[in-house]
Amino acid sequence: MSFRTIVIKERAKLDLKLNYLVCRNDKEVKVYIPEISQLILESTGISLTCALISELVKNNVKIVFCDQKHNPESEILPYYGNYQTAKRLRDQIAWPLEAKANAWSEIIKNKIYQQAKLLKELKFTKECEMLEKYYNQVMLNDSTNREGHSAKVYFNALFGMDFSRREGEKFNAALNYGYAIILSCFNREIVKSGYLTQLGIWHKNEFNDFNLASDFMEPFRILIDRIVVNLNEEEDFRSQILEIFNIQVKIKGKSYYLEKAISVYCKSLFDRLNNNDNGEILFYEM
């Protein structure tokens, strides 16, 4: 079972030897590939062999490449993530509009619920009450954009009235890094399950290769927000955010680490969309 997140921060040479990832710089370190869940390459001075890449992909290891500012920029996903890929793509294309609209409405309601819960914990009572009101106003497909109204109240409470997701670097760099890591986790799960990341249930941007992951991940953004609002400014924010893989959340009373929770949640969404019924979407609780 894969469980390790490997982060390479400095110039290094990575290659394959007897089913081990071998990292060489000042010293040599070996990691057994079946134990690796994801590999994050933070330096543009890292080189790796095609043989290693091929073996990592075969083992469903997510490989994330970062840019010169150490922000996630791209990732490698296999062409075929599941033996039933052809069938599941047909299922995905056939998802009824009503099923997608209902699922999206529930996703947004849970996102607002998670946001309100965090505000309550941080003693933003007035703002929490506003989000609870918006939660009860969510309509089919969030046609009245309660998500947008909630986001404004939520981010202003957490980071100040002058905060904008489009401006400034103090918090946005950390948020963007964390959201990109979460997005990568969802991309991996979607491909592994045999579906296309490009075909979303609400996001439809023709320039976004990850529309479906962008849809599914919405409630999980709050896990990143929890970390960012409590960042220790004396430490590297990337290291603090990567601690998200060590936390546990609950689903139906059972504790799961992040990637397993994402797997359970995604499966419930796929079941719901494929069956076009009111099956329960298994959201997490802190």
C-alpha atoms as a PDB file:
ATOM      1  CA  MET A   1       0.000   0.000   0.000  1.00  0.00           C
ATOM      2  CA  SER A   2       1.393   3.429  -0.972  1.00  0.00           C
ATOM      3  CA  PHE A   3       1.639   5.905   1.876  1.00  0.00           C
ATOM      4  CA  ARG A   4       4.770   8.031   1.432  1.00  0.00           C
ATOM      5  CA  THR A   5       4.828  11.575   0.059  1.00  0.00           C
ATOM      6  CA  ILE A   6       8.367  12.241  -1.184  1.00  0.00           C
ATOM      7  CA  VAL A   7       9.435  15.885  -1.587  1.00  0.00           C
ATOM      8  CA  ILE A   8      12.724  16.708  -3.356  1.00  0.00           C
ATOM      9  CA  LYS A   9      13.675  20.351  -2.695  1.00  0.00           C
ATOM     10  CA  GLU A  10      17.197  20.618  -4.112  1.00  0.00           C
ATOM     11  CA  ARG A  11      19.132  19.688  -7.244  1.00  0.00           C
ATOM     12  CA  ALA A  12      19.309  15.906  -7.544  1.00  0.00           C
ATOM     13  CA  LYS A  13      19.493  12.985  -9.944  1.00  0.00           C
ATOM     14  CA  LEU A  14      16.688  10.436  -9.653  1.00  0.00           C
ATOM     15  CA  ASP A  15      16.781   7.024 -11.259  1.00  0.00           C
ATOM     16  CA  LEU A  16      15.483   3.469 -10.939  1.00  0.00           C
ATOM     17  CA  LYS A  17      17.248   0.505  -9.385  1.00  0.00           C
ATOM     18  CA  LEU A  18      15.574  -2.818  -8.523  1.00  0.00           C
ATOM     19  CA  ASN A  19      12.120  -1.240  -7.917  1.00  0.00           C
ATOM     20  CA  TYR A  20      13.622   1.527  -5.801  1.00  0.00           C
ATOM     21  CA  LEU A  21      13.658   5.246  -6.475  1.00  0.00           C
ATOM     22  CA  VAL A  22      17.273   6.314  -6.009  1.00  0.00           C
ATOM     23  CA  CYS A  23      17.955   9.968  -5.193  1.00  0.00           C
ATOM     24  CA  ARG A  24      21.537  11.165  -5.573  1.00  0.00           C
ATOM     25  CA  ASN A  25      22.915  14.559  -4.515  1.00  0.00           C
ATOM     26  CA  ASP A  26      25.275  14.979  -1.567  1.00  0.00           C
ATOM     27  CA  LYS A  27      24.254  11.488  -0.495  1.00  0.00           C
ATOM     28  CA  GLU A  28      22.276   8.565  -1.883  1.00  0.00           C
ATOM     29  CA  VAL A  29      18.790   7.714  -0.616  1.00  0.00           C
ATOM     30  CA  LYS A  30      16.601   4.799  -1.773  1.00  0.00           C
ATOM     31  CA  VAL A  31      12.818   4.526  -1.428  1.00  0.00           C
ATOM     32  CA  TYR A  32      10.783   1.417  -2.312  1.00  0.00           C
ATOM     33  CA  ILE A  33       8.462   2.526  -5.122  1.00  0.00           C
ATOM     34  CA  PRO A  34       5.295   0.581  -4.059  1.00  0.00           C
ATOM     35  CA  GLU A  35       5.377   2.597  -0.812  1.00  0.00           C
ATOM     36  CA  ILE A  36       5.276   5.957  -2.643  1.00  0.00           C
ATOM     37  CA  SER A  37       1.951   7.736  -3.028  1.00  0.00           C
ATOM     38  CA  GLN A  38       3.257  10.907  -4.629  1.00  0.00           C
ATOM     39  CA  LEU A  39       6.535  12.508  -5.632  1.00  0.00           C
ATOM     40  CA  ILE A  40       6.779  16.308  -5.468  1.00  0.00           C
ATOM     41  CA  LEU A  41       9.732  17.852  -7.310  1.00  0.00           C
ATOM     42  CA  GLU A  42      10.220  21.386  -5.969  1.00  0.00           C
ATOM     43  CA  SER A  43      13.484  22.247  -7.767  1.00  0.00           C
ATOM     44  CA  THR A  44      13.893  22.775 -11.502  1.00  0.00           C
ATOM     45  CA  GLY A  45      17.416  21.413 -11.067  1.00  0.00           C
ATOM     46  CA  ILE A  46      16.135  17.850 -10.618  1.00  0.00           C
ATOM     47  CA  SER A  47      16.627  15.296 -13.393  1.00  0.00           C
ATOM     48  CA  LEU A  48      15.018  11.867 -13.610  1.00  0.00           C
ATOM     49  CA  THR A  49      15.219   8.960 -16.011  1.00  0.00           C
ATOM     50  CA  CYS A  50      12.466   7.738 -18.319  1.00  0.00           C
ATOM     51  CA  ALA A  51      12.781   4.292 -16.758  1.00  0.00           C
ATOM     52  CA  LEU A  52      11.969   5.768 -13.344  1.00  0.00           C
ATOM     53  CA  ILE A  53       9.033   7.791 -14.679  1.00  0.00           C
ATOM     54  CA  SER A  54       7.602   4.696 -16.370  1.00  0.00           C
ATOM     55  CA  GLU A  55       7.868   2.620 -13.196  1.00  0.00           C
ATOM     56  CA  LEU A  56       6.321   5.356 -11.048  1.00  0.00           C
ATOM     57  CA  VAL A  57       3.366   5.676 -13.441  1.00  0.00           C
ATOM     58  CA  LYS A  58       2.843   1.887 -13.439  1.00  0.00           C
ATOM     59  CA  ASN A  59       2.600   2.062  -9.645  1.00  0.00           C
ATOM     60  CA  ASN A  60       0.077   4.932  -9.752  1.00  0.00           C
ATOM     61  CA  VAL A  61       2.557   7.334  -8.174  1.00  0.00           C
ATOM     62  CA  LYS A  62       1.537  10.926  -8.728  1.00  0.00           C
ATOM     63  CA  ILE A  63       4.478  13.020  -9.994  1.00  0.00           C
ATOM     64  CA  VAL A  64       4.122  16.762  -9.410  1.00  0.00           C
ATOM     65  CA  PHE A  65       6.525  19.262 -10.977  1.00  0.00           C
ATOM     66  CA  CYS A  66       7.031  22.728  -9.455  1.00  0.00           C
ATOM     67  CA  ASP A  67       8.158  25.941 -11.142  1.00  0.00           C
ATOM     68  CA  GLN A  68      11.026  28.286 -10.225  1.00  0.00           C
ATOM     69  CA  LYS A  69       8.951  29.657  -7.321  1.00  0.00           C
ATOM     70  CA  HIS A  70       8.355  26.114  -5.992  1.00  0.00           C
ATOM     71  CA  ASN A  71       4.646  26.221  -6.859  1.00  0.00           C
ATOM     72  CA  PRO A  72       3.019  23.102  -8.391  1.00  0.00           C
ATOM     73  CA  GLU A  73       2.912  23.616 -12.148  1.00  0.00           C
ATOM     74  CA  SER A  74       2.150  20.276 -13.798  1.00  0.00           C
ATOM     75  CA  GLU A  75       1.848  16.585 -13.141  1.00  0.00           C
ATOM     76  CA  ILE A  76       2.048  13.237 -14.888  1.00  0.00           C
ATOM     77  CA  LEU A  77      -1.083  11.128 -15.211  1.00  0.00           C
ATOM     78  CA  PRO A  78      -1.272   7.722 -16.959  1.00  0.00           C
ATOM     79  CA  TYR A  79      -3.330   7.300 -20.116  1.00  0.00           C
ATOM     80  CA  TYR A  80      -5.102   4.290 -18.663  1.00  0.00           C
ATOM     81  CA  GLY A  81      -5.870   4.312 -14.967  1.00  0.00           C
ATOM     82  CA  ASN A  82      -8.367   1.476 -14.777  1.00  0.00           C
ATOM     83  CA  TYR A  83      -9.135  -1.743 -16.663  1.00  0.00           C
ATOM     84  CA  GLN A  84     -12.719  -0.506 -17.241  1.00  0.00           C
ATOM     85  CA  THR A  85     -11.714   2.921 -18.556  1.00  0.00           C
ATOM     86  CA  ALA A  86     -13.685   2.630 -21.824  1.00  0.00           C
ATOM     87  CA  LYS A  87     -16.911   1.714 -19.996  1.00  0.00           C
ATOM     88  CA  ARG A  88     -16.477   4.391 -17.389  1.00  0.00           C
ATOM     89  CA  LEU A  89     -15.850   7.081 -19.976  1.00  0.00           C
ATOM     90  CA  ARG A  90     -19.137   6.123 -21.649  1.00  0.00           C
ATOM     91  CA  ASP A  91     -20.832   6.314 -18.247  1.00  0.00           C
ATOM     92  CA  GLN A  92     -19.299   9.721 -17.562  1.00  0.00           C
ATOM     93  CA  ILE A  93     -20.399  11.150 -20.891  1.00  0.00           C
ATOM     94  CA  ALA A  94     -23.940   9.862 -20.191  1.00  0.00           C
ATOM     95  CA  TRP A  95     -24.302  11.370 -16.700  1.00  0.00           C
ATOM     96  CA  PRO A  96     -27.733  13.080 -16.735  1.00  0.00           C
ATOM     97  CA  LEU A  97     -27.863  16.861 -16.321  1.00  0.00           C
ATOM     98  CA  GLU A  98     -30.190  16.456 -13.345  1.00  0.00           C
ATOM     99  CA  ALA A  99     -27.750  14.121 -11.591  1.00  0.00           C
ATOM    100  CA  LYS A 100     -24.866  16.531 -12.149  1.00  0.00           C
ATOM    101  CA  ALA A 101     -26.905  19.505 -10.945  1.00  0.00           C
ATOM    102  CA  ASN A 102     -28.010  17.699  -7.780  1.00  0.00           C
ATOM    103  CA  ALA A 103     -24.478  16.525  -6.989  1.00  0.00           C
ATOM    104  CA  TRP A 104     -23.053  20.012  -7.544  1.00  0.00           C
ATOM    105  CA  SER A 105     -25.665  21.521  -5.227  1.00  0.00           C
ATOM    106  CA  GLU A 106     -24.685  19.107  -2.448  1.00  0.00           C
ATOM    107  CA  ILE A 107     -20.978  19.737  -2.995  1.00  0.00           C
ATOM    108  CA  ILE A 108     -21.507  23.491  -2.651  1.00  0.00           C
ATOM    109  CA  LYS A 109     -23.683  23.081   0.425  1.00  0.00           C
ATOM    110  CA  ASN A 110     -20.996  20.994   2.079  1.00  0.00           C
ATOM    111  CA  LYS A 111     -18.299  23.512   1.120  1.00  0.00           C
ATOM    112  CA  ILE A 112     -20.295  26.309   2.767  1.00  0.00           C
ATOM    113  CA  TYR A 113     -20.942  24.051   5.766  1.00  0.00           C
ATOM    114  CA  GLN A 114     -17.205  23.409   6.173  1.00  0.00           C
ATOM    115  CA  GLN A 115     -16.459  27.118   5.827  1.00  0.00           C
ATOM    116  CA  ALA A 116     -19.071  28.022   8.463  1.00  0.00           C
ATOM    117  CA  LYS A 117     -17.678  25.365  10.782  1.00  0.00           C
ATOM    118  CA  LEU A 118     -14.175  26.836  10.554  1.00  0.00           C
ATOM    119  CA  LEU A 119     -15.490  30.364  11.156  1.00  0.00           C
ATOM    120  CA  LYS A 120     -17.352  29.139  14.227  1.00  0.00           C
ATOM    121  CA  GLU A 121     -14.197  27.530  15.603  1.00  0.00           C
ATOM    122  CA  LEU A 122     -12.330  30.812  15.086  1.00  0.00           C
ATOM    123  CA  LYS A 123     -15.082  32.778  16.887  1.00  0.00           C
ATOM    124  CA  PHE A 124     -16.353  34.659  13.834  1.00  0.00           C
ATOM    125  CA  THR A 125     -19.922  34.295  15.069  1.00  0.00           C
ATOM    126  CA  LYS A 126     -21.598  36.906  12.860  1.00  0.00           C
ATOM    127  CA  GLU A 127     -19.926  35.645   9.677  1.00  0.00           C
ATOM    128  CA  CYS A 128     -20.720  32.036  10.610  1.00  0.00           C
ATOM    129  CA  GLU A 129     -24.401  32.919  10.913  1.00  0.00           C
ATOM    130  CA  MET A 130     -24.311  34.561   7.479  1.00  0.00           C
ATOM    131  CA  LEU A 131     -22.868  31.412   5.925  1.00  0.00           C
ATOM    132  CA  GLU A 132     -25.457  29.252   7.664  1.00  0.00           C
ATOM    133  CA  LYS A 133     -28.092  31.455   6.032  1.00  0.00           C
ATOM    134  CA  TYR A 134     -26.446  31.054   2.621  1.00  0.00           C
ATOM    135  CA  TYR A 135     -26.249  27.287   3.189  1.00  0.00           C
ATOM    136  CA  ASN A 136     -30.029  27.109   3.504  1.00  0.00           C
ATOM    137  CA  GLN A 137     -30.466  29.226   0.360  1.00  0.00           C
ATOM    138  CA  VAL A 138     -28.496  26.989  -2.019  1.00  0.00           C
ATOM    139  CA  MET A 139     -30.718  26.086  -4.971  1.00  0.00           C
ATOM    140  CA  LEU A 140     -30.352  23.480  -7.711  1.00  0.00           C
ATOM    141  CA  ASN A 141     -26.954  23.860  -9.403  1.00  0.00           C
ATOM    142  CA  ASP A 142     -26.331  26.815  -7.039  1.00  0.00           C
ATOM    143  CA  SER A 143     -28.178  28.998  -9.535  1.00  0.00           C
ATOM    144  CA  THR A 144     -28.146  32.003  -7.175  1.00  0.00           C
ATOM    145  CA  ASN A 145     -24.373  31.734  -6.542  1.00  0.00           C
ATOM    146  CA  ARG A 146     -24.482  31.272  -2.786  1.00  0.00           C
ATOM    147  CA  GLU A 147     -20.947  29.917  -3.126  1.00  0.00           C
ATOM    148  CA  GLY A 148     -19.666  33.292  -4.321  1.00  0.00           C
ATOM    149  CA  HIS A 149     -21.465  35.239  -1.594  1.00  0.00           C
ATOM    150  CA  SER A 150     -20.142  32.857   1.051  1.00  0.00           C
ATOM    151  CA  ALA A 151     -16.581  33.081  -0.264  1.00  0.00           C
ATOM    152  CA  LYS A 152     -16.484  36.864   0.104  1.00  0.00           C
ATOM    153  CA  VAL A 153     -17.674  36.769   3.715  1.00  0.00           C
ATOM    154  CA  TYR A 154     -15.452  33.805   4.526  1.00  0.00           C
ATOM    155  CA  PHE A 155     -12.141  35.093   3.152  1.00  0.00           C
ATOM    156  CA  ASN A 156     -12.659  38.586   4.532  1.00  0.00           C
ATOM    157  CA  ALA A 157     -13.204  37.072   7.974  1.00  0.00           C
ATOM    158  CA  LEU A 158     -10.119  34.857   7.758  1.00  0.00           C
ATOM    159  CA  PHE A 159      -7.648  37.231   6.132  1.00  0.00           C
ATOM    160  CA  GLY A 160      -9.040  40.757   6.471  1.00  0.00           C
ATOM    161  CA  MET A 161     -11.368  43.058   4.552  1.00  0.00           C
ATOM    162  CA  ASP A 162      -8.665  44.017   2.038  1.00  0.00           C
ATOM    163  CA  PHE A 163      -7.992  40.394   1.087  1.00  0.00           C
ATOM    164  CA  SER A 164      -8.572  39.324  -2.520  1.00  0.00           C
ATOM    165  CA  ARG A 165      -7.927  35.943  -4.130  1.00  0.00           C
ATOM    166  CA  ARG A 166      -6.662  37.870  -7.164  1.00  0.00           C
ATOM    167  CA  GLU A 167      -4.211  40.168  -5.412  1.00  0.00           C
ATOM    168  CA  GLY A 168      -1.362  40.020  -2.936  1.00  0.00           C
ATOM    169  CA  GLU A 169       1.032  37.223  -2.063  1.00  0.00           C
ATOM    170  CA  LYS A 170       1.081  36.803   1.703  1.00  0.00           C
ATOM    171  CA  PHE A 171      -1.717  34.256   1.920  1.00  0.00           C
ATOM    172  CA  ASN A 172      -2.470  33.571  -1.740  1.00  0.00           C
ATOM    173  CA  ALA A 173       0.853  31.873  -2.419  1.00  0.00           C
ATOM    174  CA  ALA A 174       0.165  29.410   0.390  1.00  0.00           C
ATOM    175  CA  LEU A 175      -3.466  28.903  -0.626  1.00  0.00           C
ATOM    176  CA  ASN A 176      -2.537  28.335  -4.260  1.00  0.00           C
ATOM    177  CA  TYR A 177       0.151  25.836  -3.321  1.00  0.00           C
ATOM    178  CA  GLY A 178      -2.199  23.923  -1.031  1.00  0.00           C
ATOM    179  CA  TYR A 179      -5.094  23.914  -3.471  1.00  0.00           C
ATOM    180  CA  ALA A 180      -2.789  22.643  -6.229  1.00  0.00           C
ATOM    181  CA  ILE A 181      -1.697  19.748  -4.016  1.00  0.00           C
ATOM    182  CA  ILE A 182      -5.339  18.858  -3.271  1.00  0.00           C
ATOM    183  CA  LEU A 183      -6.209  19.144  -6.974  1.00  0.00           C
ATOM    184  CA  SER A 184      -3.415  16.705  -7.800  1.00  0.00           C
ATOM    185  CA  CYS A 185      -4.795  14.196  -5.293  1.00  0.00           C
ATOM    186  CA  PHE A 186      -8.201  14.358  -6.959  1.00  0.00           C
ATOM    187  CA  ASN A 187      -6.723  14.056 -10.459  1.00  0.00           C
ATOM    188  CA  ARG A 188      -4.913  10.903  -9.398  1.00  0.00           C
ATOM    189  CA  GLU A 189      -8.067   9.377  -7.905  1.00  0.00           C
ATOM    190  CA  ILE A 190     -10.219  10.264 -10.918  1.00  0.00           C
ATOM    191  CA  VAL A 191      -7.772   8.760 -13.428  1.00  0.00           C
ATOM    192  CA  LYS A 192      -7.229   5.694 -11.242  1.00  0.00           C
ATOM    193  CA  SER A 193     -11.003   5.198 -11.210  1.00  0.00           C
ATOM    194  CA  GLY A 194     -11.170   5.274 -15.012  1.00  0.00           C
ATOM    195  CA  TYR A 195     -12.704   8.713 -15.625  1.00  0.00           C
ATOM    196  CA  LEU A 196     -11.623  11.837 -17.503  1.00  0.00           C
ATOM    197  CA  THR A 197     -10.479  14.851 -15.501  1.00  0.00           C
ATOM    198  CA  GLN A 198     -11.453  17.179 -18.364  1.00  0.00           C
ATOM    199  CA  LEU A 199     -15.209  16.517 -18.214  1.00  0.00           C
ATOM    200  CA  GLY A 200     -16.664  18.291 -15.178  1.00  0.00           C
ATOM    201  CA  ILE A 201     -20.149  18.359 -13.724  1.00  0.00           C
ATOM    202  CA  TRP A 202     -20.118  22.147 -13.317  1.00  0.00           C
ATOM    203  CA  HIS A 203     -16.689  23.453 -14.345  1.00  0.00           C
ATOM    204  CA  LYS A 204     -16.563  23.526 -18.143  1.00  0.00           C
ATOM    205  CA  ASN A 205     -13.545  25.701 -18.948  1.00  0.00           C
ATOM    206  CA  GLU A 206     -12.126  24.537 -22.271  1.00  0.00           C
ATOM    207  CA  PHE A 207      -8.633  25.498 -21.120  1.00  0.00           C
ATOM    208  CA  ASN A 208      -8.872  23.548 -17.848  1.00  0.00           C
ATOM    209  CA  ASP A 209      -7.739  19.924 -18.105  1.00  0.00           C
ATOM    210  CA  PHE A 210      -8.945  19.287 -14.563  1.00  0.00           C
ATOM    211  CA  ASN A 211     -12.589  20.365 -14.569  1.00  0.00           C
ATOM    212  CA  LEU A 212     -13.891  17.282 -12.754  1.00  0.00           C
ATOM    213  CA  ALA A 213     -11.220  17.485 -10.049  1.00  0.00           C
ATOM    214  CA  SER A 214     -12.033  21.192  -9.656  1.00  0.00           C
ATOM    215  CA  ASP A 215     -15.657  20.188  -9.019  1.00  0.00           C
ATOM    216  CA  PHE A 216     -15.015  17.369  -6.589  1.00  0.00           C
ATOM    217  CA  MET A 217     -12.336  19.084  -4.505  1.00  0.00           C
ATOM    218  CA  GLU A 218     -14.396  22.097  -3.363  1.00  0.00           C
ATOM    219  CA  PRO A 219     -15.175  20.978   0.239  1.00  0.00           C
ATOM    220  CA  PHE A 220     -11.551  19.885   0.713  1.00  0.00           C
ATOM    221  CA  ARG A 221     -10.223  23.408   0.143  1.00  0.00           C
ATOM    222  CA  ILE A 222     -11.159  24.198   3.729  1.00  0.00           C
ATOM    223  CA  LEU A 223      -8.533  21.732   4.963  1.00  0.00           C
ATOM    224  CA  ILE A 224      -5.924  23.976   3.351  1.00  0.00           C
ATOM    225  CA  ASP A 225      -7.574  27.131   4.704  1.00  0.00           C
ATOM    226  CA  ARG A 226      -7.281  25.705   8.233  1.00  0.00           C
ATOM    227  CA  ILE A 227      -3.543  25.366   7.828  1.00  0.00           C
ATOM    228  CA  VAL A 228      -2.949  28.708   6.100  1.00  0.00           C
ATOM    229  CA  VAL A 229      -4.868  30.771   8.657  1.00  0.00           C
ATOM    230  CA  ASN A 230      -2.594  29.288  11.352  1.00  0.00           C
ATOM    231  CA  LEU A 231       0.721  29.422   9.475  1.00  0.00           C
ATOM    232  CA  ASN A 232       3.903  29.919  11.425  1.00  0.00           C
ATOM    233  CA  GLU A 233       5.548  32.706   9.419  1.00  0.00           C
ATOM    234  CA  GLU A 234       8.999  31.697  10.654  1.00  0.00           C
ATOM    235  CA  GLU A 235       8.759  28.347   8.855  1.00  0.00           C
ATOM    236  CA  ASP A 236       8.426  27.442   5.173  1.00  0.00           C
ATOM    237  CA  PHE A 237       4.714  27.375   4.370  1.00  0.00           C
ATOM    238  CA  ARG A 238       5.153  24.489   1.927  1.00  0.00           C
ATOM    239  CA  SER A 239       6.407  22.160   4.630  1.00  0.00           C
ATOM    240  CA  GLN A 240       3.516  23.163   6.879  1.00  0.00           C
ATOM    241  CA  ILE A 241       0.952  22.560   4.141  1.00  0.00           C
ATOM    242  CA  LEU A 242       2.366  19.135   3.300  1.00  0.00           C
ATOM    243  CA  GLU A 243       1.520  18.103   6.856  1.00  0.00           C
ATOM    244  CA  ILE A 244      -2.024  17.735   5.500  1.00  0.00           C
ATOM    245  CA  PHE A 245      -1.076  14.194   4.491  1.00  0.00           C
ATOM    246  CA  ASN A 246      -0.560  13.340   8.157  1.00  0.00           C
ATOM    247  CA  ILE A 247      -3.955  14.510   9.427  1.00  0.00           C
ATOM    248  CA  GLN A 248      -7.013  12.293   9.678  1.00  0.00           C
ATOM    249  CA  VAL A 249     -10.643  13.088   8.942  1.00  0.00           C
ATOM    250  CA  LYS A 250     -13.771  11.075   9.669  1.00  0.00           C
ATOM    251  CA  ILE A 251     -16.284   9.647   7.217  1.00  0.00           C
ATOM    252  CA  LYS A 252     -19.276   7.843   8.709  1.00  0.00           C
ATOM    253  CA  GLY A 253     -17.411   7.660  12.016  1.00  0.00           C
ATOM    254  CA  LYS A 254     -14.261   6.044  10.583  1.00  0.00           C
ATOM    255  CA  SER A 255     -10.902   7.824  10.506  1.00  0.00           C
ATOM    256  CA  TYR A 256      -8.997   8.167   7.240  1.00  0.00           C
ATOM    257  CA  TYR A 257      -5.839   9.882   6.083  1.00  0.00           C
ATOM    258  CA  LEU A 258      -6.397  12.466   3.351  1.00  0.00           C
ATOM    259  CA  GLU A 259      -5.807  10.359   0.246  1.00  0.00           C
ATOM    260  CA  LYS A 260      -7.972   7.484   1.476  1.00  0.00           C
ATOM    261  CA  ALA A 261     -10.723   9.963   2.440  1.00  0.00           C
ATOM    262  CA  ILE A 262     -10.585  11.392  -1.083  1.00  0.00           C
ATOM    263  CA  SER A 263     -10.895   7.870  -2.494  1.00  0.00           C
ATOM    264  CA  VAL A 264     -13.958   7.058  -0.368  1.00  0.00           C
ATOM    265  CA  TYR A 265     -15.583  10.403  -1.184  1.00  0.00           C
ATOM    266  CA  CYS A 266     -14.945  10.118  -4.941  1.00  0.00           C
ATOM    267  CA  LYS A 267     -16.343   6.591  -5.082  1.00  0.00           C
ATOM    268  CA  SER A 268     -19.569   7.770  -3.457  1.00  0.00           C
ATOM    269  CA  LEU A 269     -19.822  10.581  -6.019  1.00  0.00           C
ATOM    270  CA  PHE A 270     -19.222   8.236  -8.946  1.00  0.00           C
ATOM    271  CA  ASP A 271     -21.871   5.834  -7.608  1.00  0.00           C
ATOM    272  CA  ARG A 272     -24.309   8.715  -7.230  1.00  0.00           C
ATOM    273  CA  LEU A 273     -23.715  10.061 -10.742  1.00  0.00           C
ATOM    274  CA  ASN A 274     -23.705   6.662 -12.446  1.00  0.00           C
ATOM    275  CA  ASN A 275     -26.949   5.548 -10.775  1.00  0.00           C
ATOM    276  CA  ASN A 276     -28.697   8.923 -11.032  1.00  0.00           C
ATOM    277  CA  ASP A 277     -30.203   8.384  -7.594  1.00  0.00           C
ATOM    278  CA  ASN A 278     -30.132   9.998  -4.168  1.00  0.00           C
ATOM    279  CA  GLY A 279     -27.331   7.826  -2.846  1.00  0.00           C
ATOM    280  CA  GLU A 280     -25.351   9.445  -0.052  1.00  0.00           C
ATOM    281  CA  ILE A 281     -22.276  11.473  -0.900  1.00  0.00           C
ATOM    282  CA  LEU A 282     -19.734  10.619   1.781  1.00  0.00           C
ATOM    283  CA  PHE A 283     -18.371  13.967   2.938  1.00  0.00           C
ATOM    284  CA  TYR A 284     -15.660  14.239   5.582  1.00  0.00           C
ATOM    285  CA  GLU A 285     -15.841  15.658   9.107  1.00  0.00           C
ATOM    286  CA  MET A 286     -12.972  17.042  11.170  1.00  0.00           C
END
